[in-house]
Amino acid sequence: MRHPKRRSPWSRDRLWVIIGCLALWPVSAGYGEPARRKPLRLFDATDAQQLRLSEQEWHQAHRTRSAGAADGPRILIQKPQLKQSPEGPTIDMATPASLTVAFESNHAPVDMGSLEVTARKGFFSKSLTDLLKPYVRGTALQVQDVAIPEGRFLIEIAIADRGGAKTVETYRLQVQGQ
């Protein structure tokens, strides 16, 4: 009597499946983990060189506010923490850092389409608005990882409400590396 041919547990088909799985394993190893995003760079080294304040400029820089600011939306820096100093509101931060700025209505709803963020030094300025607009969530600006070169800078934030009242605030920004 003839016995049917027994298949080995290591048949050719199974062997190819195992080889295929081993070949694809490194590709799928990080599949369940979120991808690490690069920090959002607000400006490069050349811009930083033009915008960085000297020691004298840093001490001369002061808070400016628009005439109608009492009627416009309130700008609330939530992250990093805002310090009040005699020279004006100052943000001390390490880079990269999280940035959260909330905008509260005063007399009319906030018009987030009017948001303007600018880095300034004398007559030189760089608009940061287009870089930051994708991070607008409702009436807040929320960036998880924002990178700014080390130094001292002036950042101006302007926002209006739907009634046309506008608030413009200038913040002193001091950035240290990590």
C-alpha atoms as a PDB file:
ATOM      1  CA  MET A   1       0.000   0.000   0.000  1.00  0.00           C
ATOM      2  CA  ARG A   2       1.172   3.321  -0.902  1.00  0.00           C
ATOM      3  CA  HIS A   3       1.212   6.113   1.661  1.00  0.00           C
ATOM      4  CA  PRO A   4       0.224   9.624   0.631  1.00  0.00           C
ATOM      5  CA  LYS A   5       3.139  12.022   0.510  1.00  0.00           C
ATOM      6  CA  ARG A   6       3.402  13.911   3.767  1.00  0.00           C
ATOM      7  CA  ARG A   7       4.063  17.635   3.620  1.00  0.00           C
ATOM      8  CA  SER A   8       6.801  18.917   5.789  1.00  0.00           C
ATOM      9  CA  PRO A   9       5.864  21.798   8.112  1.00  0.00           C
ATOM     10  CA  TRP A  10       8.644  23.670   6.293  1.00  0.00           C
ATOM     11  CA  SER A  11       7.256  23.368   2.824  1.00  0.00           C
ATOM     12  CA  ARG A  12       8.392  25.694   0.081  1.00  0.00           C
ATOM     13  CA  ASP A  13       5.187  27.839   0.295  1.00  0.00           C
ATOM     14  CA  ARG A  14       5.472  28.366   4.032  1.00  0.00           C
ATOM     15  CA  LEU A  15       9.143  29.141   3.736  1.00  0.00           C
ATOM     16  CA  TRP A  16       8.428  31.944   1.220  1.00  0.00           C
ATOM     17  CA  VAL A  17       5.746  33.411   3.518  1.00  0.00           C
ATOM     18  CA  ILE A  18       8.210  33.479   6.433  1.00  0.00           C
ATOM     19  CA  ILE A  19      10.944  35.058   4.278  1.00  0.00           C
ATOM     20  CA  GLY A  20       8.456  37.694   3.054  1.00  0.00           C
ATOM     21  CA  CYS A  21       7.381  38.554   6.606  1.00  0.00           C
ATOM     22  CA  LEU A  22      10.974  38.871   7.750  1.00  0.00           C
ATOM     23  CA  ALA A  23      11.775  41.110   4.783  1.00  0.00           C
ATOM     24  CA  LEU A  24       8.840  43.455   5.515  1.00  0.00           C
ATOM     25  CA  TRP A  25       9.221  43.491   9.308  1.00  0.00           C
ATOM     26  CA  PRO A  26      11.622  46.498   9.470  1.00  0.00           C
ATOM     27  CA  VAL A  27       9.196  48.545   7.325  1.00  0.00           C
ATOM     28  CA  SER A  28       6.276  47.895   9.649  1.00  0.00           C
ATOM     29  CA  ALA A  29       8.152  48.085  12.964  1.00  0.00           C
ATOM     30  CA  GLY A  30       7.324  51.791  13.490  1.00  0.00           C
ATOM     31  CA  TYR A  31       3.862  51.607  11.960  1.00  0.00           C
ATOM     32  CA  GLY A  32       1.972  52.097  15.240  1.00  0.00           C
ATOM     33  CA  GLU A  33       4.134  54.980  16.445  1.00  0.00           C
ATOM     34  CA  PRO A  34       3.403  58.570  15.433  1.00  0.00           C
ATOM     35  CA  ALA A  35       5.932  60.102  13.075  1.00  0.00           C
ATOM     36  CA  ARG A  36       8.266  62.634  14.663  1.00  0.00           C
ATOM     37  CA  ARG A  37       7.667  65.988  13.024  1.00  0.00           C
ATOM     38  CA  LYS A  38      10.325  68.555  12.465  1.00  0.00           C
ATOM     39  CA  PRO A  39       9.912  71.762  14.470  1.00  0.00           C
ATOM     40  CA  LEU A  40       8.353  74.691  12.635  1.00  0.00           C
ATOM     41  CA  ARG A  41      11.201  77.143  11.878  1.00  0.00           C
ATOM     42  CA  LEU A  42       9.907  80.708  12.088  1.00  0.00           C
ATOM     43  CA  PHE A  43      12.995  82.171  10.456  1.00  0.00           C
ATOM     44  CA  ASP A  44      16.418  81.079   9.303  1.00  0.00           C
ATOM     45  CA  ALA A  45      19.889  82.153  10.464  1.00  0.00           C
ATOM     46  CA  THR A  46      20.059  85.041   7.962  1.00  0.00           C
ATOM     47  CA  ASP A  47      16.714  86.438   9.121  1.00  0.00           C
ATOM     48  CA  ALA A  48      17.774  85.957  12.745  1.00  0.00           C
ATOM     49  CA  GLN A  49      20.957  87.932  12.141  1.00  0.00           C
ATOM     50  CA  GLN A  50      18.918  90.848  10.734  1.00  0.00           C
ATOM     51  CA  LEU A  51      16.219  90.652  13.433  1.00  0.00           C
ATOM     52  CA  ARG A  52      18.371  89.930  16.518  1.00  0.00           C
ATOM     53  CA  LEU A  53      18.452  92.852  18.956  1.00  0.00           C
ATOM     54  CA  SER A  54      21.700  94.116  20.469  1.00  0.00           C
ATOM     55  CA  GLU A  55      21.918  94.606  24.241  1.00  0.00           C
ATOM     56  CA  GLN A  56      21.182  98.326  23.833  1.00  0.00           C
ATOM     57  CA  GLU A  57      18.242  97.718  21.485  1.00  0.00           C
ATOM     58  CA  TRP A  58      16.855  95.112  23.873  1.00  0.00           C
ATOM     59  CA  HIS A  59      16.751  97.590  26.748  1.00  0.00           C
ATOM     60  CA  GLN A  60      15.271 100.330  24.551  1.00  0.00           C
ATOM     61  CA  ALA A  61      12.545  98.105  23.122  1.00  0.00           C
ATOM     62  CA  HIS A  62       9.216  98.825  24.735  1.00  0.00           C
ATOM     63  CA  ARG A  63       5.606  97.840  24.498  1.00  0.00           C
ATOM     64  CA  THR A  64       3.501  99.431  21.788  1.00  0.00           C
ATOM     65  CA  ARG A  65      -0.227  99.170  21.548  1.00  0.00           C
ATOM     66  CA  SER A  66      -2.691 100.512  19.020  1.00  0.00           C
ATOM     67  CA  ALA A  67      -4.965 103.405  19.957  1.00  0.00           C
ATOM     68  CA  GLY A  68      -8.108 101.282  19.643  1.00  0.00           C
ATOM     69  CA  ALA A  69      -6.673  98.265  21.473  1.00  0.00           C
ATOM     70  CA  ALA A  70      -9.037  98.653  24.424  1.00  0.00           C
ATOM     71  CA  ASP A  71     -11.924  97.847  22.056  1.00  0.00           C
ATOM     72  CA  GLY A  72     -10.198  95.132  19.996  1.00  0.00           C
ATOM     73  CA  PRO A  73      -9.719  91.464  20.882  1.00  0.00           C
ATOM     74  CA  ARG A  74      -7.513  90.504  23.808  1.00  0.00           C
ATOM     75  CA  ILE A  75      -4.272  88.658  23.007  1.00  0.00           C
ATOM     76  CA  LEU A  76      -3.408  86.051  25.651  1.00  0.00           C
ATOM     77  CA  ILE A  77       0.014  84.386  25.453  1.00  0.00           C
ATOM     78  CA  GLN A  78      -0.495  81.032  27.214  1.00  0.00           C
ATOM     79  CA  LYS A  79       2.684  79.143  26.215  1.00  0.00           C
ATOM     80  CA  PRO A  80       5.469  79.922  26.822  1.00  0.00           C
ATOM     81  CA  GLN A  81       4.720  81.937  29.910  1.00  0.00           C
ATOM     82  CA  LEU A  82       4.549  85.714  29.545  1.00  0.00           C
ATOM     83  CA  LYS A  83       6.409  87.872  32.090  1.00  0.00           C
ATOM     84  CA  GLN A  84       5.565  91.504  32.747  1.00  0.00           C
ATOM     85  CA  SER A  85       8.659  93.682  33.068  1.00  0.00           C
ATOM     86  CA  PRO A  86       9.183  97.460  33.177  1.00  0.00           C
ATOM     87  CA  GLU A  87      10.274  97.298  29.510  1.00  0.00           C
ATOM     88  CA  GLY A  88       7.079  95.482  28.493  1.00  0.00           C
ATOM     89  CA  PRO A  89       5.746  91.951  28.155  1.00  0.00           C
ATOM     90  CA  THR A  90       8.572  89.447  27.737  1.00  0.00           C
ATOM     91  CA  ILE A  91       8.547  85.817  26.666  1.00  0.00           C
ATOM     92  CA  ASP A  92      11.530  83.699  27.782  1.00  0.00           C
ATOM     93  CA  MET A  93      11.727  80.397  25.959  1.00  0.00           C
ATOM     94  CA  ALA A  94      14.017  77.560  25.046  1.00  0.00           C
ATOM     95  CA  THR A  95      13.917  76.325  21.484  1.00  0.00           C
ATOM     96  CA  PRO A  96      12.041  74.344  20.293  1.00  0.00           C
ATOM     97  CA  ALA A  97       8.963  75.079  22.396  1.00  0.00           C
ATOM     98  CA  SER A  98       5.196  74.967  22.281  1.00  0.00           C
ATOM     99  CA  LEU A  99       3.410  78.174  21.368  1.00  0.00           C
ATOM    100  CA  THR A 100      -0.195  78.877  22.328  1.00  0.00           C
ATOM    101  CA  VAL A 101      -1.808  82.269  21.845  1.00  0.00           C
ATOM    102  CA  ALA A 102      -5.527  82.705  22.521  1.00  0.00           C
ATOM    103  CA  PHE A 103      -7.617  85.561  21.179  1.00  0.00           C
ATOM    104  CA  GLU A 104     -10.685  86.638  23.176  1.00  0.00           C
ATOM    105  CA  SER A 105     -13.475  88.781  21.832  1.00  0.00           C
ATOM    106  CA  ASN A 106     -14.114  92.085  23.531  1.00  0.00           C
ATOM    107  CA  HIS A 107     -17.143  93.670  21.820  1.00  0.00           C
ATOM    108  CA  ALA A 108     -17.442  91.615  18.621  1.00  0.00           C
ATOM    109  CA  PRO A 109     -16.318  88.121  17.556  1.00  0.00           C
ATOM    110  CA  VAL A 110     -12.625  87.717  16.699  1.00  0.00           C
ATOM    111  CA  ASP A 111     -11.760  87.757  12.979  1.00  0.00           C
ATOM    112  CA  MET A 112      -8.988  85.133  12.758  1.00  0.00           C
ATOM    113  CA  GLY A 113      -8.515  85.995   9.067  1.00  0.00           C
ATOM    114  CA  SER A 114      -7.078  89.338  10.212  1.00  0.00           C
ATOM    115  CA  LEU A 115      -4.263  87.727  12.235  1.00  0.00           C
ATOM    116  CA  GLU A 116      -0.814  89.136  11.464  1.00  0.00           C
ATOM    117  CA  VAL A 117       2.401  88.063  13.187  1.00  0.00           C
ATOM    118  CA  THR A 118       5.603  89.932  12.375  1.00  0.00           C
ATOM    119  CA  ALA A 119       9.181  89.888  13.660  1.00  0.00           C
ATOM    120  CA  ARG A 120      10.611  93.436  13.688  1.00  0.00           C
ATOM    121  CA  LYS A 121      13.815  95.346  14.159  1.00  0.00           C
ATOM    122  CA  GLY A 122      13.897  98.981  13.117  1.00  0.00           C
ATOM    123  CA  PHE A 123      12.788  99.202   9.484  1.00  0.00           C
ATOM    124  CA  PHE A 124      13.405  95.494   8.855  1.00  0.00           C
ATOM    125  CA  SER A 125      10.494  93.115   9.361  1.00  0.00           C
ATOM    126  CA  LYS A 126       9.556  89.580   8.422  1.00  0.00           C
ATOM    127  CA  SER A 127       5.975  88.383   8.247  1.00  0.00           C
ATOM    128  CA  LEU A 128       5.438  85.070  10.047  1.00  0.00           C
ATOM    129  CA  THR A 129       1.707  85.006   9.323  1.00  0.00           C
ATOM    130  CA  ASP A 130       1.708  82.538   6.411  1.00  0.00           C
ATOM    131  CA  LEU A 131       3.861  80.076   8.381  1.00  0.00           C
ATOM    132  CA  LEU A 132       1.552  80.260  11.401  1.00  0.00           C
ATOM    133  CA  LYS A 133      -1.939  80.346   9.802  1.00  0.00           C
ATOM    134  CA  PRO A 134      -2.079  76.524   9.367  1.00  0.00           C
ATOM    135  CA  TYR A 135      -1.825  76.288  13.181  1.00  0.00           C
ATOM    136  CA  VAL A 136      -4.930  78.379  13.881  1.00  0.00           C
ATOM    137  CA  ARG A 137      -7.489  76.323  15.823  1.00  0.00           C
ATOM    138  CA  GLY A 138     -10.728  78.222  16.418  1.00  0.00           C
ATOM    139  CA  THR A 139      -9.688  81.470  18.108  1.00  0.00           C
ATOM    140  CA  ALA A 140      -6.224  80.275  19.113  1.00  0.00           C
ATOM    141  CA  LEU A 141      -2.816  79.769  17.550  1.00  0.00           C
ATOM    142  CA  GLN A 142      -1.342  76.418  18.657  1.00  0.00           C
ATOM    143  CA  VAL A 143       2.066  75.149  17.538  1.00  0.00           C
ATOM    144  CA  GLN A 144       3.540  72.080  19.261  1.00  0.00           C
ATOM    145  CA  ASP A 145       7.156  72.528  18.143  1.00  0.00           C
ATOM    146  CA  VAL A 146       8.308  75.971  17.088  1.00  0.00           C
ATOM    147  CA  ALA A 147      12.012  76.670  16.603  1.00  0.00           C
ATOM    148  CA  ILE A 148      13.550  80.135  16.694  1.00  0.00           C
ATOM    149  CA  PRO A 149      17.290  80.813  16.609  1.00  0.00           C
ATOM    150  CA  GLU A 150      18.843  81.954  19.879  1.00  0.00           C
ATOM    151  CA  GLY A 151      18.752  85.654  20.629  1.00  0.00           C
ATOM    152  CA  ARG A 152      16.470  88.537  21.518  1.00  0.00           C
ATOM    153  CA  PHE A 153      13.712  89.593  19.154  1.00  0.00           C
ATOM    154  CA  LEU A 154      10.570  91.721  18.908  1.00  0.00           C
ATOM    155  CA  ILE A 155       7.380  90.004  17.781  1.00  0.00           C
ATOM    156  CA  GLU A 156       4.275  91.979  16.869  1.00  0.00           C
ATOM    157  CA  ILE A 157       0.831  90.361  16.902  1.00  0.00           C
ATOM    158  CA  ALA A 158      -2.141  92.127  15.346  1.00  0.00           C
ATOM    159  CA  ILE A 159      -5.743  90.899  15.373  1.00  0.00           C
ATOM    160  CA  ALA A 160      -9.096  92.538  14.643  1.00  0.00           C
ATOM    161  CA  ASP A 161     -12.676  91.701  15.419  1.00  0.00           C
ATOM    162  CA  ARG A 162     -15.541  91.524  12.946  1.00  0.00           C
ATOM    163  CA  GLY A 163     -16.525  95.060  13.924  1.00  0.00           C
ATOM    164  CA  GLY A 164     -13.141  96.378  12.752  1.00  0.00           C
ATOM    165  CA  ALA A 165     -11.586  97.114  16.172  1.00  0.00           C
ATOM    166  CA  LYS A 166      -7.912  96.096  16.055  1.00  0.00           C
ATOM    167  CA  THR A 167      -5.364  95.210  18.710  1.00  0.00           C
ATOM    168  CA  VAL A 168      -1.618  95.381  18.035  1.00  0.00           C
ATOM    169  CA  GLU A 169       0.796  94.156  20.722  1.00  0.00           C
ATOM    170  CA  THR A 170       4.571  93.947  20.664  1.00  0.00           C
ATOM    171  CA  TYR A 171       6.315  91.276  22.735  1.00  0.00           C
ATOM    172  CA  ARG A 172       9.968  90.942  23.643  1.00  0.00           C
ATOM    173  CA  LEU A 173      11.136  87.410  22.913  1.00  0.00           C
ATOM    174  CA  GLN A 174      14.285  85.990  24.504  1.00  0.00           C
ATOM    175  CA  VAL A 175      15.298  82.588  23.106  1.00  0.00           C
ATOM    176  CA  GLN A 176      17.875  80.186  24.569  1.00  0.00           C
ATOM    177  CA  GLY A 177      18.951  76.890  23.036  1.00  0.00           C
ATOM    178  CA  GLN A 178      18.262  73.644  24.872  1.00  0.00           C
END
